[in-house]
Amino acid sequence: MAERLESPAVDASACSPLPSHDEDSLGCLMAAASKGHRVLLAALLAEIDLYPGQDRVLNMLWEHGPQFQNKLAAKLGIDMSTMTKSLQRLERSGLISRSPCATNRRLSIVSTTPKGDDLRPRLRRIEEEVHRRLARGLTTEQVETLCSLLAVIRDNTCREALQSPCVDD
Protein backbone atom coordinates (compact mmCIF):
# COMPACT_ATOMS: atom_id res chain seq x y z
CA MET A 1 0.00 0.00 0.00
CA ALA A 2 1.20 3.52 -0.79
CA GLU A 3 2.30 5.73 2.07
CA ARG A 4 -0.40 8.12 3.22
CA LEU A 5 0.09 11.53 4.75
CA GLU A 6 -1.93 12.29 7.85
CA SER A 7 -3.98 15.46 7.67
CA PRO A 8 -3.63 17.70 10.70
CA ALA A 9 -6.70 18.34 12.82
CA VAL A 10 -8.52 21.59 12.20
CA ASP A 11 -7.43 24.19 14.73
CA ALA A 12 -10.50 26.18 15.78
CA SER A 13 -8.29 29.19 16.56
CA ALA A 14 -7.40 29.39 12.88
CA CYS A 15 -11.03 29.98 11.90
CA SER A 16 -12.15 33.33 10.65
CA PRO A 17 -13.54 35.47 13.47
CA LEU A 18 -16.38 36.91 11.35
CA PRO A 19 -19.27 37.10 11.96
CA SER A 20 -18.93 35.38 15.34
CA HIS A 21 -15.73 35.15 17.34
CA ASP A 22 -15.65 31.44 18.07
CA GLU A 23 -15.31 27.99 16.60
CA ASP A 24 -19.09 27.85 16.12
CA SER A 25 -19.04 30.40 13.28
CA LEU A 26 -20.44 29.13 9.98
CA GLY A 27 -17.08 29.28 8.22
CA CYS A 28 -15.27 27.48 10.99
CA LEU A 29 -17.90 24.76 11.28
CA MET A 30 -17.82 24.28 7.49
CA ALA A 31 -14.03 24.03 7.49
CA ALA A 32 -13.98 21.58 10.40
CA ALA A 33 -16.76 19.42 8.93
CA SER A 34 -15.08 19.39 5.52
CA LYS A 35 -11.72 18.47 7.02
CA GLY A 36 -13.31 15.75 9.17
CA HIS A 37 -15.04 14.28 6.13
CA ARG A 38 -11.81 14.29 4.13
CA VAL A 39 -9.81 12.62 6.93
CA LEU A 40 -12.50 9.96 7.43
CA LEU A 41 -12.82 9.30 3.71
CA ALA A 42 -9.03 9.12 3.26
CA ALA A 43 -8.69 6.61 6.09
CA LEU A 44 -11.41 4.34 4.72
CA LEU A 45 -10.21 4.63 1.11
CA ALA A 46 -6.69 3.73 2.22
CA GLU A 47 -8.08 0.31 3.19
CA ILE A 48 -8.65 -0.37 -0.52
CA ASP A 49 -5.52 1.50 -1.68
CA LEU A 50 -7.32 4.56 -3.03
CA TYR A 51 -6.73 8.25 -2.44
CA PRO A 52 -9.55 10.80 -2.01
CA GLY A 53 -10.76 11.87 -5.43
CA GLN A 54 -9.99 8.54 -7.07
CA ASP A 55 -13.32 7.27 -5.79
CA ARG A 56 -15.04 10.07 -7.72
CA VAL A 57 -13.15 9.19 -10.91
CA LEU A 58 -14.16 5.54 -10.63
CA ASN A 59 -17.77 6.44 -9.82
CA MET A 60 -17.96 8.74 -12.85
CA LEU A 61 -16.62 5.98 -15.11
CA TRP A 62 -18.98 3.38 -13.65
CA GLU A 63 -21.95 5.71 -14.03
CA HIS A 64 -21.18 7.10 -17.49
CA GLY A 65 -18.83 4.59 -19.09
CA PRO A 66 -15.54 5.37 -20.84
CA GLN A 67 -14.74 9.08 -21.05
CA PHE A 68 -12.28 11.35 -22.76
CA GLN A 69 -9.70 12.36 -20.16
CA ASN A 70 -10.36 16.08 -20.64
CA LYS A 71 -14.14 15.62 -20.39
CA LEU A 72 -13.72 13.53 -17.25
CA ALA A 73 -11.66 16.30 -15.64
CA ALA A 74 -14.27 18.90 -16.63
CA LYS A 75 -17.16 16.82 -15.26
CA LEU A 76 -15.34 16.36 -11.96
CA GLY A 77 -14.32 20.02 -11.83
CA ILE A 78 -10.58 19.41 -11.54
CA ASP A 79 -7.66 20.66 -13.61
CA MET A 80 -5.90 18.45 -16.13
CA SER A 81 -2.65 18.13 -14.16
CA THR A 82 -4.55 16.82 -11.13
CA MET A 83 -6.56 14.48 -13.36
CA THR A 84 -3.40 13.18 -15.03
CA LYS A 85 -1.76 12.42 -11.67
CA SER A 86 -4.87 10.65 -10.40
CA LEU A 87 -5.22 8.61 -13.58
CA GLN A 88 -1.54 7.64 -13.51
CA ARG A 89 -1.98 6.23 -10.00
CA LEU A 90 -5.19 4.41 -10.95
CA GLU A 91 -3.51 3.03 -14.07
CA ARG A 92 -0.45 1.82 -12.09
CA SER A 93 -2.87 0.07 -9.73
CA GLY A 94 -4.52 -1.63 -12.70
CA LEU A 95 -7.93 -0.06 -12.00
CA ILE A 96 -8.27 1.97 -15.21
CA SER A 97 -6.78 1.99 -18.67
CA ARG A 98 -6.18 4.84 -21.08
CA SER A 99 -6.12 4.45 -24.82
CA PRO A 100 -5.74 6.96 -27.63
CA CYS A 101 -8.89 8.01 -29.48
CA ALA A 102 -9.03 6.41 -32.94
CA THR A 103 -9.99 9.68 -34.66
CA ASN A 104 -7.83 12.08 -32.63
CA ARG A 105 -4.70 10.55 -31.13
CA ARG A 106 -4.14 13.60 -28.93
CA LEU A 107 -7.18 12.55 -26.87
CA SER A 108 -7.16 9.69 -24.37
CA ILE A 109 -10.17 7.56 -23.55
CA VAL A 110 -10.31 6.41 -19.92
CA SER A 111 -12.14 3.26 -18.91
CA THR A 112 -12.21 0.95 -15.94
CA THR A 113 -10.56 -2.45 -16.06
CA PRO A 114 -12.05 -5.68 -14.72
CA LYS A 115 -9.91 -5.18 -11.59
CA GLY A 116 -11.36 -1.68 -11.24
CA ASP A 117 -14.90 -2.97 -11.71
CA ASP A 118 -14.28 -5.60 -9.03
CA LEU A 119 -13.57 -2.76 -6.57
CA ARG A 120 -17.07 -1.31 -6.96
CA PRO A 121 -18.83 -3.24 -4.13
CA ARG A 122 -16.03 -2.43 -1.69
CA LEU A 123 -16.16 1.25 -2.58
CA ARG A 124 -19.96 1.23 -2.15
CA ARG A 125 -19.53 -0.19 1.37
CA ILE A 126 -17.04 2.57 2.20
CA GLU A 127 -19.42 5.24 0.89
CA GLU A 128 -22.22 3.76 2.99
CA GLU A 129 -19.96 3.75 6.07
CA VAL A 130 -18.97 7.39 5.49
CA HIS A 131 -22.65 8.31 5.18
CA ARG A 132 -23.50 6.34 8.32
CA ARG A 133 -20.81 8.11 10.33
CA LEU A 134 -21.67 11.55 8.97
CA ALA A 135 -25.37 11.05 9.76
CA ARG A 136 -24.87 9.50 13.21
CA GLY A 137 -27.26 11.17 15.64
CA LEU A 138 -29.36 12.77 12.90
CA THR A 139 -32.85 11.79 11.81
CA THR A 140 -33.61 11.08 8.17
CA GLU A 141 -35.38 14.44 7.97
CA GLN A 142 -32.36 16.22 9.47
CA VAL A 143 -30.06 14.58 6.92
CA GLU A 144 -32.37 15.71 4.10
CA THR A 145 -32.45 19.25 5.51
CA LEU A 146 -28.68 19.31 5.93
CA CYS A 147 -28.19 18.14 2.34
CA SER A 148 -30.55 20.85 1.12
CA LEU A 149 -28.74 23.53 3.12
CA LEU A 150 -25.32 22.34 1.97
CA ALA A 151 -26.52 22.47 -1.63
CA VAL A 152 -27.42 26.15 -1.11
CA ILE A 153 -23.96 26.83 0.36
CA ARG A 154 -22.32 24.93 -2.51
CA ASP A 155 -24.26 27.02 -5.01
CA ASN A 156 -23.35 30.21 -3.13
CA THR A 157 -19.65 29.37 -3.22
CA CYS A 158 -19.39 27.57 -6.55
CA ARG A 159 -21.19 29.56 -9.21
CA GLU A 160 -20.25 26.94 -11.76
CA ALA A 161 -21.86 24.20 -9.62
CA LEU A 162 -24.52 23.54 -12.24
CA GLN A 163 -21.85 22.60 -14.79
CA SER A 164 -19.29 20.93 -12.52
CA PRO A 165 -19.25 20.34 -8.77
CA CYS A 166 -16.94 22.27 -6.51
CA VAL A 167 -14.19 19.89 -5.44
CA ASP A 168 -11.08 19.77 -3.36
CA ASP A 169 -8.18 19.36 -5.80
C-alpha atoms as a PDB file:
ATOM      1  CA  MET A   1       0.000   0.000   0.000  1.00  0.00           C
ATOM      2  CA  ALA A   2       1.201   3.517  -0.789  1.00  0.00           C
ATOM      3  CA  GLU A   3       2.302   5.730   2.066  1.00  0.00           C
ATOM      4  CA  ARG A   4      -0.403   8.119   3.221  1.00  0.00           C
ATOM      5  CA  LEU A   5       0.093  11.527   4.752  1.00  0.00           C
ATOM      6  CA  GLU A   6      -1.930  12.290   7.852  1.00  0.00           C
ATOM      7  CA  SER A   7      -3.978  15.455   7.672  1.00  0.00           C
ATOM      8  CA  PRO A   8      -3.632  17.698  10.702  1.00  0.00           C
ATOM      9  CA  ALA A   9      -6.702  18.340  12.816  1.00  0.00           C
ATOM     10  CA  VAL A  10      -8.524  21.590  12.201  1.00  0.00           C
ATOM     11  CA  ASP A  11      -7.426  24.191  14.732  1.00  0.00           C
ATOM     12  CA  ALA A  12     -10.496  26.175  15.781  1.00  0.00           C
ATOM     13  CA  SER A  13      -8.294  29.187  16.562  1.00  0.00           C
ATOM     14  CA  ALA A  14      -7.403  29.387  12.877  1.00  0.00           C
ATOM     15  CA  CYS A  15     -11.031  29.982  11.901  1.00  0.00           C
ATOM     16  CA  SER A  16     -12.151  33.334  10.650  1.00  0.00           C
ATOM     17  CA  PRO A  17     -13.544  35.475  13.472  1.00  0.00           C
ATOM     18  CA  LEU A  18     -16.376  36.907  11.347  1.00  0.00           C
ATOM     19  CA  PRO A  19     -19.274  37.098  11.964  1.00  0.00           C
ATOM     20  CA  SER A  20     -18.933  35.380  15.343  1.00  0.00           C
ATOM     21  CA  HIS A  21     -15.730  35.147  17.344  1.00  0.00           C
ATOM     22  CA  ASP A  22     -15.651  31.443  18.072  1.00  0.00           C
ATOM     23  CA  GLU A  23     -15.308  27.992  16.604  1.00  0.00           C
ATOM     24  CA  ASP A  24     -19.093  27.854  16.123  1.00  0.00           C
ATOM     25  CA  SER A  25     -19.041  30.398  13.279  1.00  0.00           C
ATOM     26  CA  LEU A  26     -20.441  29.134   9.983  1.00  0.00           C
ATOM     27  CA  GLY A  27     -17.083  29.284   8.216  1.00  0.00           C
ATOM     28  CA  CYS A  28     -15.267  27.483  10.995  1.00  0.00           C
ATOM     29  CA  LEU A  29     -17.905  24.756  11.278  1.00  0.00           C
ATOM     30  CA  MET A  30     -17.822  24.275   7.490  1.00  0.00           C
ATOM     31  CA  ALA A  31     -14.026  24.032   7.494  1.00  0.00           C
ATOM     32  CA  ALA A  32     -13.976  21.577  10.396  1.00  0.00           C
ATOM     33  CA  ALA A  33     -16.760  19.418   8.932  1.00  0.00           C
ATOM     34  CA  SER A  34     -15.084  19.387   5.516  1.00  0.00           C
ATOM     35  CA  LYS A  35     -11.719  18.467   7.025  1.00  0.00           C
ATOM     36  CA  GLY A  36     -13.310  15.754   9.170  1.00  0.00           C
ATOM     37  CA  HIS A  37     -15.043  14.278   6.133  1.00  0.00           C
ATOM     38  CA  ARG A  38     -11.815  14.289   4.127  1.00  0.00           C
ATOM     39  CA  VAL A  39      -9.811  12.619   6.925  1.00  0.00           C
ATOM     40  CA  LEU A  40     -12.504   9.964   7.431  1.00  0.00           C
ATOM     41  CA  LEU A  41     -12.818   9.299   3.708  1.00  0.00           C
ATOM     42  CA  ALA A  42      -9.029   9.125   3.265  1.00  0.00           C
ATOM     43  CA  ALA A  43      -8.687   6.607   6.091  1.00  0.00           C
ATOM     44  CA  LEU A  44     -11.407   4.338   4.715  1.00  0.00           C
ATOM     45  CA  LEU A  45     -10.215   4.634   1.109  1.00  0.00           C
ATOM     46  CA  ALA A  46      -6.685   3.727   2.221  1.00  0.00           C
ATOM     47  CA  GLU A  47      -8.076   0.311   3.188  1.00  0.00           C
ATOM     48  CA  ILE A  48      -8.646  -0.368  -0.518  1.00  0.00           C
ATOM     49  CA  ASP A  49      -5.521   1.499  -1.679  1.00  0.00           C
ATOM     50  CA  LEU A  50      -7.321   4.561  -3.035  1.00  0.00           C
ATOM     51  CA  TYR A  51      -6.733   8.252  -2.438  1.00  0.00           C
ATOM     52  CA  PRO A  52      -9.546  10.796  -2.008  1.00  0.00           C
ATOM     53  CA  GLY A  53     -10.759  11.871  -5.433  1.00  0.00           C
ATOM     54  CA  GLN A  54      -9.987   8.540  -7.068  1.00  0.00           C
ATOM     55  CA  ASP A  55     -13.321   7.275  -5.789  1.00  0.00           C
ATOM     56  CA  ARG A  56     -15.036  10.070  -7.716  1.00  0.00           C
ATOM     57  CA  VAL A  57     -13.149   9.185 -10.906  1.00  0.00           C
ATOM     58  CA  LEU A  58     -14.164   5.538 -10.629  1.00  0.00           C
ATOM     59  CA  ASN A  59     -17.774   6.439  -9.824  1.00  0.00           C
ATOM     60  CA  MET A  60     -17.961   8.739 -12.851  1.00  0.00           C
ATOM     61  CA  LEU A  61     -16.617   5.982 -15.113  1.00  0.00           C
ATOM     62  CA  TRP A  62     -18.981   3.378 -13.654  1.00  0.00           C
ATOM     63  CA  GLU A  63     -21.949   5.710 -14.029  1.00  0.00           C
ATOM     64  CA  HIS A  64     -21.185   7.104 -17.492  1.00  0.00           C
ATOM     65  CA  GLY A  65     -18.831   4.591 -19.088  1.00  0.00           C
ATOM     66  CA  PRO A  66     -15.537   5.369 -20.841  1.00  0.00           C
ATOM     67  CA  GLN A  67     -14.744   9.077 -21.050  1.00  0.00           C
ATOM     68  CA  PHE A  68     -12.281  11.348 -22.763  1.00  0.00           C
ATOM     69  CA  GLN A  69      -9.699  12.356 -20.162  1.00  0.00           C
ATOM     70  CA  ASN A  70     -10.356  16.076 -20.638  1.00  0.00           C
ATOM     71  CA  LYS A  71     -14.142  15.618 -20.394  1.00  0.00           C
ATOM     72  CA  LEU A  72     -13.723  13.531 -17.246  1.00  0.00           C
ATOM     73  CA  ALA A  73     -11.660  16.305 -15.644  1.00  0.00           C
ATOM     74  CA  ALA A  74     -14.272  18.902 -16.626  1.00  0.00           C
ATOM     75  CA  LYS A  75     -17.160  16.823 -15.259  1.00  0.00           C
ATOM     76  CA  LEU A  76     -15.335  16.365 -11.956  1.00  0.00           C
ATOM     77  CA  GLY A  77     -14.321  20.022 -11.825  1.00  0.00           C
ATOM     78  CA  ILE A  78     -10.580  19.406 -11.545  1.00  0.00           C
ATOM     79  CA  ASP A  79      -7.660  20.663 -13.610  1.00  0.00           C
ATOM     80  CA  MET A  80      -5.903  18.447 -16.133  1.00  0.00           C
ATOM     81  CA  SER A  81      -2.650  18.130 -14.164  1.00  0.00           C
ATOM     82  CA  THR A  82      -4.551  16.816 -11.127  1.00  0.00           C
ATOM     83  CA  MET A  83      -6.562  14.480 -13.362  1.00  0.00           C
ATOM     84  CA  THR A  84      -3.403  13.179 -15.028  1.00  0.00           C
ATOM     85  CA  LYS A  85      -1.762  12.421 -11.674  1.00  0.00           C
ATOM     86  CA  SER A  86      -4.867  10.652 -10.397  1.00  0.00           C
ATOM     87  CA  LEU A  87      -5.221   8.610 -13.580  1.00  0.00           C
ATOM     88  CA  GLN A  88      -1.537   7.636 -13.509  1.00  0.00           C
ATOM     89  CA  ARG A  89      -1.984   6.230 -10.004  1.00  0.00           C
ATOM     90  CA  LEU A  90      -5.188   4.407 -10.954  1.00  0.00           C
ATOM     91  CA  GLU A  91      -3.507   3.031 -14.070  1.00  0.00           C
ATOM     92  CA  ARG A  92      -0.453   1.823 -12.093  1.00  0.00           C
ATOM     93  CA  SER A  93      -2.866   0.073  -9.731  1.00  0.00           C
ATOM     94  CA  GLY A  94      -4.523  -1.634 -12.697  1.00  0.00           C
ATOM     95  CA  LEU A  95      -7.927  -0.061 -11.998  1.00  0.00           C
ATOM     96  CA  ILE A  96      -8.271   1.969 -15.209  1.00  0.00           C
ATOM     97  CA  SER A  97      -6.778   1.992 -18.669  1.00  0.00           C
ATOM     98  CA  ARG A  98      -6.179   4.843 -21.081  1.00  0.00           C
ATOM     99  CA  SER A  99      -6.117   4.452 -24.820  1.00  0.00           C
ATOM    100  CA  PRO A 100      -5.741   6.963 -27.630  1.00  0.00           C
ATOM    101  CA  CYS A 101      -8.887   8.006 -29.482  1.00  0.00           C
ATOM    102  CA  ALA A 102      -9.027   6.405 -32.943  1.00  0.00           C
ATOM    103  CA  THR A 103      -9.986   9.678 -34.660  1.00  0.00           C
ATOM    104  CA  ASN A 104      -7.831  12.081 -32.629  1.00  0.00           C
ATOM    105  CA  ARG A 105      -4.698  10.548 -31.126  1.00  0.00           C
ATOM    106  CA  ARG A 106      -4.139  13.596 -28.929  1.00  0.00           C
ATOM    107  CA  LEU A 107      -7.178  12.551 -26.869  1.00  0.00           C
ATOM    108  CA  SER A 108      -7.157   9.688 -24.371  1.00  0.00           C
ATOM    109  CA  ILE A 109     -10.166   7.561 -23.549  1.00  0.00           C
ATOM    110  CA  VAL A 110     -10.314   6.414 -19.925  1.00  0.00           C
ATOM    111  CA  SER A 111     -12.136   3.261 -18.905  1.00  0.00           C
ATOM    112  CA  THR A 112     -12.211   0.947 -15.939  1.00  0.00           C
ATOM    113  CA  THR A 113     -10.556  -2.453 -16.061  1.00  0.00           C
ATOM    114  CA  PRO A 114     -12.055  -5.684 -14.721  1.00  0.00           C
ATOM    115  CA  LYS A 115      -9.905  -5.175 -11.594  1.00  0.00           C
ATOM    116  CA  GLY A 116     -11.356  -1.677 -11.245  1.00  0.00           C
ATOM    117  CA  ASP A 117     -14.895  -2.974 -11.714  1.00  0.00           C
ATOM    118  CA  ASP A 118     -14.284  -5.600  -9.027  1.00  0.00           C
ATOM    119  CA  LEU A 119     -13.571  -2.765  -6.566  1.00  0.00           C
ATOM    120  CA  ARG A 120     -17.068  -1.310  -6.960  1.00  0.00           C
ATOM    121  CA  PRO A 121     -18.831  -3.239  -4.134  1.00  0.00           C
ATOM    122  CA  ARG A 122     -16.026  -2.434  -1.686  1.00  0.00           C
ATOM    123  CA  LEU A 123     -16.165   1.255  -2.584  1.00  0.00           C
ATOM    124  CA  ARG A 124     -19.958   1.233  -2.150  1.00  0.00           C
ATOM    125  CA  ARG A 125     -19.529  -0.192   1.374  1.00  0.00           C
ATOM    126  CA  ILE A 126     -17.038   2.571   2.200  1.00  0.00           C
ATOM    127  CA  GLU A 127     -19.418   5.244   0.892  1.00  0.00           C
ATOM    128  CA  GLU A 128     -22.219   3.764   2.988  1.00  0.00           C
ATOM    129  CA  GLU A 129     -19.959   3.754   6.067  1.00  0.00           C
ATOM    130  CA  VAL A 130     -18.971   7.385   5.493  1.00  0.00           C
ATOM    131  CA  HIS A 131     -22.648   8.306   5.181  1.00  0.00           C
ATOM    132  CA  ARG A 132     -23.500   6.336   8.325  1.00  0.00           C
ATOM    133  CA  ARG A 133     -20.806   8.111  10.332  1.00  0.00           C
ATOM    134  CA  LEU A 134     -21.668  11.550   8.975  1.00  0.00           C
ATOM    135  CA  ALA A 135     -25.368  11.052   9.760  1.00  0.00           C
ATOM    136  CA  ARG A 136     -24.874   9.499  13.206  1.00  0.00           C
ATOM    137  CA  GLY A 137     -27.262  11.168  15.644  1.00  0.00           C
ATOM    138  CA  LEU A 138     -29.357  12.773  12.897  1.00  0.00           C
ATOM    139  CA  THR A 139     -32.849  11.786  11.810  1.00  0.00           C
ATOM    140  CA  THR A 140     -33.613  11.076   8.170  1.00  0.00           C
ATOM    141  CA  GLU A 141     -35.382  14.438   7.975  1.00  0.00           C
ATOM    142  CA  GLN A 142     -32.365  16.224   9.467  1.00  0.00           C
ATOM    143  CA  VAL A 143     -30.062  14.579   6.916  1.00  0.00           C
ATOM    144  CA  GLU A 144     -32.367  15.709   4.104  1.00  0.00           C
ATOM    145  CA  THR A 145     -32.446  19.253   5.509  1.00  0.00           C
ATOM    146  CA  LEU A 146     -28.681  19.310   5.933  1.00  0.00           C
ATOM    147  CA  CYS A 147     -28.190  18.136   2.342  1.00  0.00           C
ATOM    148  CA  SER A 148     -30.550  20.849   1.118  1.00  0.00           C
ATOM    149  CA  LEU A 149     -28.737  23.532   3.120  1.00  0.00           C
ATOM    150  CA  LEU A 150     -25.321  22.344   1.975  1.00  0.00           C
ATOM    151  CA  ALA A 151     -26.523  22.469  -1.629  1.00  0.00           C
ATOM    152  CA  VAL A 152     -27.416  26.148  -1.110  1.00  0.00           C
ATOM    153  CA  ILE A 153     -23.958  26.825   0.362  1.00  0.00           C
ATOM    154  CA  ARG A 154     -22.323  24.934  -2.505  1.00  0.00           C
ATOM    155  CA  ASP A 155     -24.260  27.025  -5.005  1.00  0.00           C
ATOM    156  CA  ASN A 156     -23.351  30.214  -3.132  1.00  0.00           C
ATOM    157  CA  THR A 157     -19.650  29.373  -3.217  1.00  0.00           C
ATOM    158  CA  CYS A 158     -19.391  27.569  -6.547  1.00  0.00           C
ATOM    159  CA  ARG A 159     -21.192  29.557  -9.207  1.00  0.00           C
ATOM    160  CA  GLU A 160     -20.247  26.936 -11.763  1.00  0.00           C
ATOM    161  CA  ALA A 161     -21.858  24.199  -9.621  1.00  0.00           C
ATOM    162  CA  LEU A 162     -24.517  23.543 -12.241  1.00  0.00           C
ATOM    163  CA  GLN A 163     -21.849  22.599 -14.794  1.00  0.00           C
ATOM    164  CA  SER A 164     -19.294  20.927 -12.521  1.00  0.00           C
ATOM    165  CA  PRO A 165     -19.250  20.335  -8.768  1.00  0.00           C
ATOM    166  CA  CYS A 166     -16.939  22.267  -6.508  1.00  0.00           C
ATOM    167  CA  VAL A 167     -14.187  19.886  -5.436  1.00  0.00           C
ATOM    168  CA  ASP A 168     -11.084  19.768  -3.363  1.00  0.00           C
ATOM    169  CA  ASP A 169      -8.182  19.364  -5.795  1.00  0.00           C
END
